[in-house]
Protein backbone atom coordinates (compact mmCIF):
# COMPACT_ATOMS: atom_id res chain seq x y z
CA LEU A 1 -7.24 -5.61 -14.76
CA SER A 2 -6.85 -3.92 -11.40
CA SER A 3 -8.36 -0.64 -12.62
CA THR A 4 -11.33 -2.51 -14.04
CA LEU A 5 -11.85 -4.35 -10.75
CA ALA A 6 -11.61 -1.09 -8.83
CA LEU A 7 -14.21 0.54 -11.08
CA ALA A 8 -16.53 -2.46 -10.84
CA SER A 9 -16.03 -2.43 -7.08
CA GLY A 10 -17.16 1.16 -6.79
CA LEU A 11 -20.14 0.54 -9.03
CA GLY A 12 -21.12 -2.53 -7.01
CA CYS A 13 -20.99 -0.59 -3.74
CA ILE A 14 -23.03 2.28 -5.20
CA ALA A 15 -25.54 -0.19 -6.65
CA GLY A 16 -25.88 -1.84 -3.25
CA ILE A 17 -26.61 1.49 -1.59
CA ALA A 18 -29.09 2.44 -4.32
CA GLN A 19 -30.93 -0.88 -4.01
CA MET A 20 -31.47 -0.38 -0.29
CA SER A 21 -33.90 2.44 -1.03
CA ASN A 22 -36.59 0.03 -2.20
CA GLN A 23 -38.17 -2.81 -0.21
CA GLN A 24 -38.30 -5.11 -3.27
CA THR A 25 -34.60 -4.76 -4.10
CA SER A 26 -33.18 -4.58 -0.57
CA ARG A 27 -32.18 -8.26 -0.51
CA LEU A 28 -30.23 -7.80 -3.73
CA ALA A 29 -28.43 -4.84 -2.14
CA VAL A 30 -26.59 -7.15 0.23
CA TYR A 31 -25.17 -9.21 -2.63
CA ALA A 32 -24.27 -6.17 -4.74
CA GLY A 33 -22.49 -4.60 -1.76
CA MET A 34 -20.62 -7.79 -0.90
CA GLY A 35 -19.59 -8.18 -4.53
CA GLY A 36 -18.38 -4.59 -4.65
CA VAL A 37 -16.35 -4.92 -1.47
CA GLY A 38 -15.01 -8.30 -2.58
CA MET A 39 -13.85 -6.91 -5.91
CA GLY A 40 -12.23 -3.99 -4.09
CA LEU A 41 -10.34 -6.37 -1.84
CA GLY A 42 -9.36 -8.45 -4.86
CA ALA A 43 -8.04 -5.39 -6.71
CA THR A 44 -6.09 -4.31 -3.63
CA LEU A 45 -4.56 -7.73 -3.04
CA PHE A 46 -3.71 -8.00 -6.75
CA ASP A 47 -1.83 -4.69 -6.67
CA MET A 48 0.01 -5.32 -3.40
CA ASN A 49 3.67 -6.16 -3.79
CA VAL A 50 4.59 -7.35 -0.33
CA SER A 51 6.13 -10.41 1.28
CA GLY A 52 4.25 -13.44 2.61
CA PRO A 53 4.26 -12.40 6.28
CA VAL A 54 2.34 -9.23 5.40
CA TYR A 55 -0.42 -11.34 3.85
CA LEU A 56 -0.45 -13.41 7.04
CA GLN A 57 -0.86 -10.26 9.12
CA LEU A 58 -3.67 -9.15 6.82
CA ALA A 59 -5.42 -12.51 7.17
CA ALA A 60 -5.05 -12.45 10.96
CA ALA A 61 -6.39 -8.89 11.25
CA SER A 62 -9.27 -9.73 8.90
CA GLY A 63 -10.15 -12.80 10.93
CA LEU A 64 -10.04 -10.82 14.17
CA GLY A 65 -12.24 -8.08 12.71
CA GLY A 66 -14.64 -10.61 11.23
CA GLY A 67 -14.93 -12.41 14.55
CA ALA A 68 -15.59 -9.16 16.41
CA GLY A 69 -18.21 -8.13 13.84
CA TYR A 70 -19.91 -11.52 14.04
CA TYR A 71 -20.03 -11.30 17.83
CA LEU A 72 -21.46 -7.79 17.77
CA SER A 73 -24.06 -8.75 15.17
CA SER A 74 -25.27 -11.59 17.38
CA ILE A 75 -25.96 -9.32 20.37
CA ILE A 76 -27.50 -6.34 18.54
CA GLY A 77 -31.26 -6.45 18.10
CA PRO A 78 -33.28 -4.75 15.35
CA THR A 79 -34.32 -1.90 17.66
CA GLN A 80 -30.68 -1.11 18.40
CA LEU A 81 -29.75 -0.71 14.75
CA PRO A 82 -29.26 3.11 14.78
CA GLN A 83 -26.83 2.82 17.69
CA ALA A 84 -25.00 0.00 15.92
CA VAL A 85 -24.67 2.05 12.73
CA ALA A 86 -23.30 4.97 14.75
CA GLY A 87 -20.85 2.68 16.55
CA PHE A 88 -19.58 1.10 13.36
CA HIS A 89 -19.35 4.52 11.72
CA SER A 90 -16.99 5.62 14.48
CA LEU A 91 -14.77 2.68 13.52
CA VAL A 92 -14.56 4.14 10.02
CA GLY A 93 -13.04 7.25 11.58
CA VAL A 94 -10.55 5.14 13.50
CA ALA A 95 -9.61 3.34 10.27
CA ALA A 96 -9.13 6.63 8.39
CA THR A 97 -6.95 8.03 11.16
CA SER A 98 -4.90 4.83 11.35
CA THR A 99 -4.39 4.90 7.60
CA ALA A 100 -3.23 8.51 7.70
CA VAL A 101 -0.82 7.84 10.56
CA GLY A 102 0.53 4.74 8.80
CA ASP A 103 0.98 6.69 5.57
CA PHE A 104 2.88 9.36 7.49
CA LEU A 105 5.14 6.81 9.20
CA ILE A 106 5.95 4.82 6.06
CA HIS A 107 6.77 7.64 3.62
CA ASP A 108 9.37 10.36 3.77
CA PHE A 109 7.19 13.38 4.46
CA SER A 110 9.56 15.80 2.71
CA LYS A 111 9.02 13.93 -0.58
CA LEU A 112 5.24 13.63 -0.46
CA ASP A 113 3.21 15.55 -3.01
CA GLY A 114 0.34 17.86 -2.14
CA PHE A 115 -2.30 15.17 -2.55
CA HIS A 116 -0.74 12.79 -0.03
CA SER A 117 0.10 15.57 2.39
CA SER A 118 -3.45 16.86 2.36
CA SER A 119 -4.92 13.35 2.70
CA ILE A 120 -2.76 12.73 5.76
CA TYR A 121 -3.85 16.09 7.22
CA LEU A 122 -7.54 15.49 6.51
CA GLY A 123 -7.39 11.89 7.77
CA THR A 124 -6.19 12.96 11.17
């Protein structure tokens, strides 16, 4: 089930990006993208095998990020959209670096395979 959700998630995100290329389908792109991201989150939460406090931390961080995004979206006008995209794209880099550092701290580096070692290297 999780693999199917992950595949559908990727397809939903790609469909959302593809639908943004046309004025007539651009409204549908938002829903396809949200569905893709939602299925990706669902697949991730389904596969996680952690204790309750970790889910609480995840909910708190998600709420904090959602609140910050909502605030930023309320002060950014349509003419500032390229700067906003660039700003949010820099956050993607921060997230990738944080993930790589977290992966390095959690796992025993001497036992990591080549894939994980290279992903940590490329993420930082």
